[in-house]
Amino acid sequence: MPKIKFLPHKKLLPNGGSFYGKEGESILDVALKNKIKIEHACEKSCSCSTCHCIIKKGFYSLSQITEKEEDVLDKAWGLTETSRLSCQAKLGKSNIEVKIPKYTSNHN
């Protein structure tokens, strides 16, 4: 089982945390299962960017990004080269490290 290390986030996970997920499970599903309340305004339908996250380690072990996800990510605040939508990024075999941005597209 791959492990997801979530880096500290002031509101959602002040001390950070590490959790195991199943291969093929989304980052968002692992987070929600472990009571990390990542915003997901579109209910995992890949039509908003509120669940945007930044992959600090293990980016290439995740499922391949789709064109639709790339289009939606363009709306994300603080976009990086290793940004993904946590509702769409599925775990592979390797461990990953994730940063949840301070702001989402719903915050001013």
C-alpha atoms as a PDB file:
ATOM      1  CA  MET A   1       0.000   0.000   0.000  1.00  0.00           C
ATOM      2  CA  PRO A   2       1.368   3.400  -0.934  1.00  0.00           C
ATOM      3  CA  LYS A   3       1.711   5.997   1.807  1.00  0.00           C
ATOM      4  CA  ILE A   4       0.646   9.622   1.440  1.00  0.00           C
ATOM      5  CA  LYS A   5       2.499  12.121   3.575  1.00  0.00           C
ATOM      6  CA  PHE A   6       0.486  15.324   3.909  1.00  0.00           C
ATOM      7  CA  LEU A   7       2.639  18.315   4.794  1.00  0.00           C
ATOM      8  CA  PRO A   8       1.370  20.596   7.590  1.00  0.00           C
ATOM      9  CA  HIS A   9      -1.516  22.915   6.692  1.00  0.00           C
ATOM     10  CA  LYS A  10      -2.428  25.626   9.211  1.00  0.00           C
ATOM     11  CA  LYS A  11      -6.181  24.868   9.266  1.00  0.00           C
ATOM     12  CA  LEU A  12      -6.686  21.379   7.878  1.00  0.00           C
ATOM     13  CA  LEU A  13      -3.760  19.450   9.368  1.00  0.00           C
ATOM     14  CA  PRO A  14      -1.473  21.599  11.556  1.00  0.00           C
ATOM     15  CA  ASN A  15       1.007  18.797  12.283  1.00  0.00           C
ATOM     16  CA  GLY A  16       0.845  17.071   8.928  1.00  0.00           C
ATOM     17  CA  GLY A  17       0.264  13.339   8.756  1.00  0.00           C
ATOM     18  CA  SER A  18       0.953  10.094   6.945  1.00  0.00           C
ATOM     19  CA  PHE A  19      -1.746   7.696   5.806  1.00  0.00           C
ATOM     20  CA  TYR A  20      -1.925   4.580   3.658  1.00  0.00           C
ATOM     21  CA  GLY A  21      -4.131   4.294   0.613  1.00  0.00           C
ATOM     22  CA  LYS A  22      -4.908   1.618  -1.921  1.00  0.00           C
ATOM     23  CA  GLU A  23      -3.438   1.654  -5.386  1.00  0.00           C
ATOM     24  CA  GLY A  24      -6.014   3.340  -7.651  1.00  0.00           C
ATOM     25  CA  GLU A  25      -7.562   5.353  -4.796  1.00  0.00           C
ATOM     26  CA  SER A  26      -7.649   9.140  -5.176  1.00  0.00           C
ATOM     27  CA  ILE A  27      -5.671  11.463  -2.934  1.00  0.00           C
ATOM     28  CA  LEU A  28      -8.945  13.150  -1.966  1.00  0.00           C
ATOM     29  CA  ASP A  29     -10.589   9.877  -0.904  1.00  0.00           C
ATOM     30  CA  VAL A  30      -7.613   9.007   1.323  1.00  0.00           C
ATOM     31  CA  ALA A  31      -7.706  12.506   2.824  1.00  0.00           C
ATOM     32  CA  LEU A  32     -11.444  12.443   3.532  1.00  0.00           C
ATOM     33  CA  LYS A  33     -11.232   8.938   5.003  1.00  0.00           C
ATOM     34  CA  ASN A  34      -8.680  10.312   7.467  1.00  0.00           C
ATOM     35  CA  LYS A  35     -10.749  13.389   8.360  1.00  0.00           C
ATOM     36  CA  ILE A  36      -8.695  15.870   6.321  1.00  0.00           C
ATOM     37  CA  LYS A  37     -11.397  18.178   5.023  1.00  0.00           C
ATOM     38  CA  ILE A  38      -9.989  19.188   1.648  1.00  0.00           C
ATOM     39  CA  GLU A  39     -12.553  21.328  -0.111  1.00  0.00           C
ATOM     40  CA  HIS A  40     -14.195  19.676  -3.116  1.00  0.00           C
ATOM     41  CA  ALA A  41     -17.031  21.926  -4.250  1.00  0.00           C
ATOM     42  CA  CYS A  42     -17.905  19.878  -7.358  1.00  0.00           C
ATOM     43  CA  GLU A  43     -18.154  16.595  -5.403  1.00  0.00           C
ATOM     44  CA  LYS A  44     -15.256  14.940  -7.291  1.00  0.00           C
ATOM     45  CA  SER A  45     -16.618  15.584 -10.798  1.00  0.00           C
ATOM     46  CA  CYS A  46     -13.487  17.375 -12.119  1.00  0.00           C
ATOM     47  CA  SER A  47     -15.275  20.646 -12.734  1.00  0.00           C
ATOM     48  CA  CYS A  48     -13.756  22.961 -10.107  1.00  0.00           C
ATOM     49  CA  SER A  49     -10.250  23.393  -8.757  1.00  0.00           C
ATOM     50  CA  THR A  50     -10.981  23.563  -5.028  1.00  0.00           C
ATOM     51  CA  CYS A  51      -9.246  20.231  -4.314  1.00  0.00           C
ATOM     52  CA  HIS A  52      -6.009  21.392  -5.948  1.00  0.00           C
ATOM     53  CA  CYS A  53      -2.896  19.979  -4.307  1.00  0.00           C
ATOM     54  CA  ILE A  54       0.821  20.099  -5.032  1.00  0.00           C
ATOM     55  CA  ILE A  55       2.758  16.856  -5.259  1.00  0.00           C
ATOM     56  CA  LYS A  56       6.155  17.351  -3.626  1.00  0.00           C
ATOM     57  CA  LYS A  57       7.376  13.761  -4.089  1.00  0.00           C
ATOM     58  CA  GLY A  58       6.131  10.884  -6.217  1.00  0.00           C
ATOM     59  CA  PHE A  59       4.413  12.930  -8.937  1.00  0.00           C
ATOM     60  CA  TYR A  60       5.131  10.409 -11.696  1.00  0.00           C
ATOM     61  CA  SER A  61       3.765   7.484  -9.718  1.00  0.00           C
ATOM     62  CA  LEU A  62       0.234   8.945  -9.898  1.00  0.00           C
ATOM     63  CA  SER A  63      -2.289   8.236 -12.640  1.00  0.00           C
ATOM     64  CA  GLN A  64      -1.766  10.160 -15.842  1.00  0.00           C
ATOM     65  CA  ILE A  65      -3.330  13.596 -15.943  1.00  0.00           C
ATOM     66  CA  THR A  66      -6.182  14.029 -18.411  1.00  0.00           C
ATOM     67  CA  GLU A  67      -6.788  16.981 -20.696  1.00  0.00           C
ATOM     68  CA  LYS A  68      -9.964  17.825 -18.758  1.00  0.00           C
ATOM     69  CA  GLU A  69      -8.044  17.887 -15.460  1.00  0.00           C
ATOM     70  CA  GLU A  70      -5.389  20.146 -17.025  1.00  0.00           C
ATOM     71  CA  ASP A  71      -8.121  22.544 -18.188  1.00  0.00           C
ATOM     72  CA  VAL A  72      -9.708  22.680 -14.728  1.00  0.00           C
ATOM     73  CA  LEU A  73      -6.313  23.067 -13.032  1.00  0.00           C
ATOM     74  CA  ASP A  74      -5.741  26.232 -15.059  1.00  0.00           C
ATOM     75  CA  LYS A  75      -8.261  27.904 -12.696  1.00  0.00           C
ATOM     76  CA  ALA A  76      -6.352  26.916  -9.541  1.00  0.00           C
ATOM     77  CA  TRP A  77      -4.701  29.478  -7.306  1.00  0.00           C
ATOM     78  CA  GLY A  78      -0.939  28.914  -6.919  1.00  0.00           C
ATOM     79  CA  LEU A  79      -0.608  26.438  -9.788  1.00  0.00           C
ATOM     80  CA  THR A  80       2.765  24.638 -10.088  1.00  0.00           C
ATOM     81  CA  GLU A  81       4.271  22.116 -12.500  1.00  0.00           C
ATOM     82  CA  THR A  82       3.372  19.338 -10.045  1.00  0.00           C
ATOM     83  CA  SER A  83      -0.183  20.465  -9.295  1.00  0.00           C
ATOM     84  CA  ARG A  84      -3.004  17.924  -9.474  1.00  0.00           C
ATOM     85  CA  LEU A  85      -6.666  17.786  -8.552  1.00  0.00           C
ATOM     86  CA  SER A  86      -6.789  15.494  -5.543  1.00  0.00           C
ATOM     87  CA  CYS A  87     -10.117  14.059  -6.750  1.00  0.00           C
ATOM     88  CA  GLN A  88      -8.527  12.902 -10.018  1.00  0.00           C
ATOM     89  CA  ALA A  89      -4.984  11.895  -9.019  1.00  0.00           C
ATOM     90  CA  LYS A  90      -4.999   8.168  -8.290  1.00  0.00           C
ATOM     91  CA  LEU A  91      -2.293   6.455  -6.272  1.00  0.00           C
ATOM     92  CA  GLY A  92       0.235   4.199  -7.923  1.00  0.00           C
ATOM     93  CA  LYS A  93       2.662   1.857  -6.199  1.00  0.00           C
ATOM     94  CA  SER A  94       5.008   4.522  -4.762  1.00  0.00           C
ATOM     95  CA  ASN A  95       4.718   6.755  -1.717  1.00  0.00           C
ATOM     96  CA  ILE A  96       3.913  10.414  -2.320  1.00  0.00           C
ATOM     97  CA  GLU A  97       4.178  13.698  -0.458  1.00  0.00           C
ATOM     98  CA  VAL A  98       1.386  16.263  -0.798  1.00  0.00           C
ATOM     99  CA  LYS A  99       1.072  19.940   0.025  1.00  0.00           C
ATOM    100  CA  ILE A 100      -2.425  21.366   0.373  1.00  0.00           C
ATOM    101  CA  PRO A 101      -2.278  25.014  -0.746  1.00  0.00           C
ATOM    102  CA  LYS A 102      -3.204  27.751   1.697  1.00  0.00           C
ATOM    103  CA  TYR A 103      -5.973  29.041  -0.576  1.00  0.00           C
ATOM    104  CA  THR A 104      -8.443  27.521  -3.019  1.00  0.00           C
ATOM    105  CA  SER A 105     -10.343  29.158  -5.845  1.00  0.00           C
ATOM    106  CA  ASN A 106     -13.244  29.674  -3.388  1.00  0.00           C
ATOM    107  CA  HIS A 107     -11.176  31.877  -1.042  1.00  0.00           C
ATOM    108  CA  ASN A 108     -10.649  35.574  -1.604  1.00  0.00           C
END
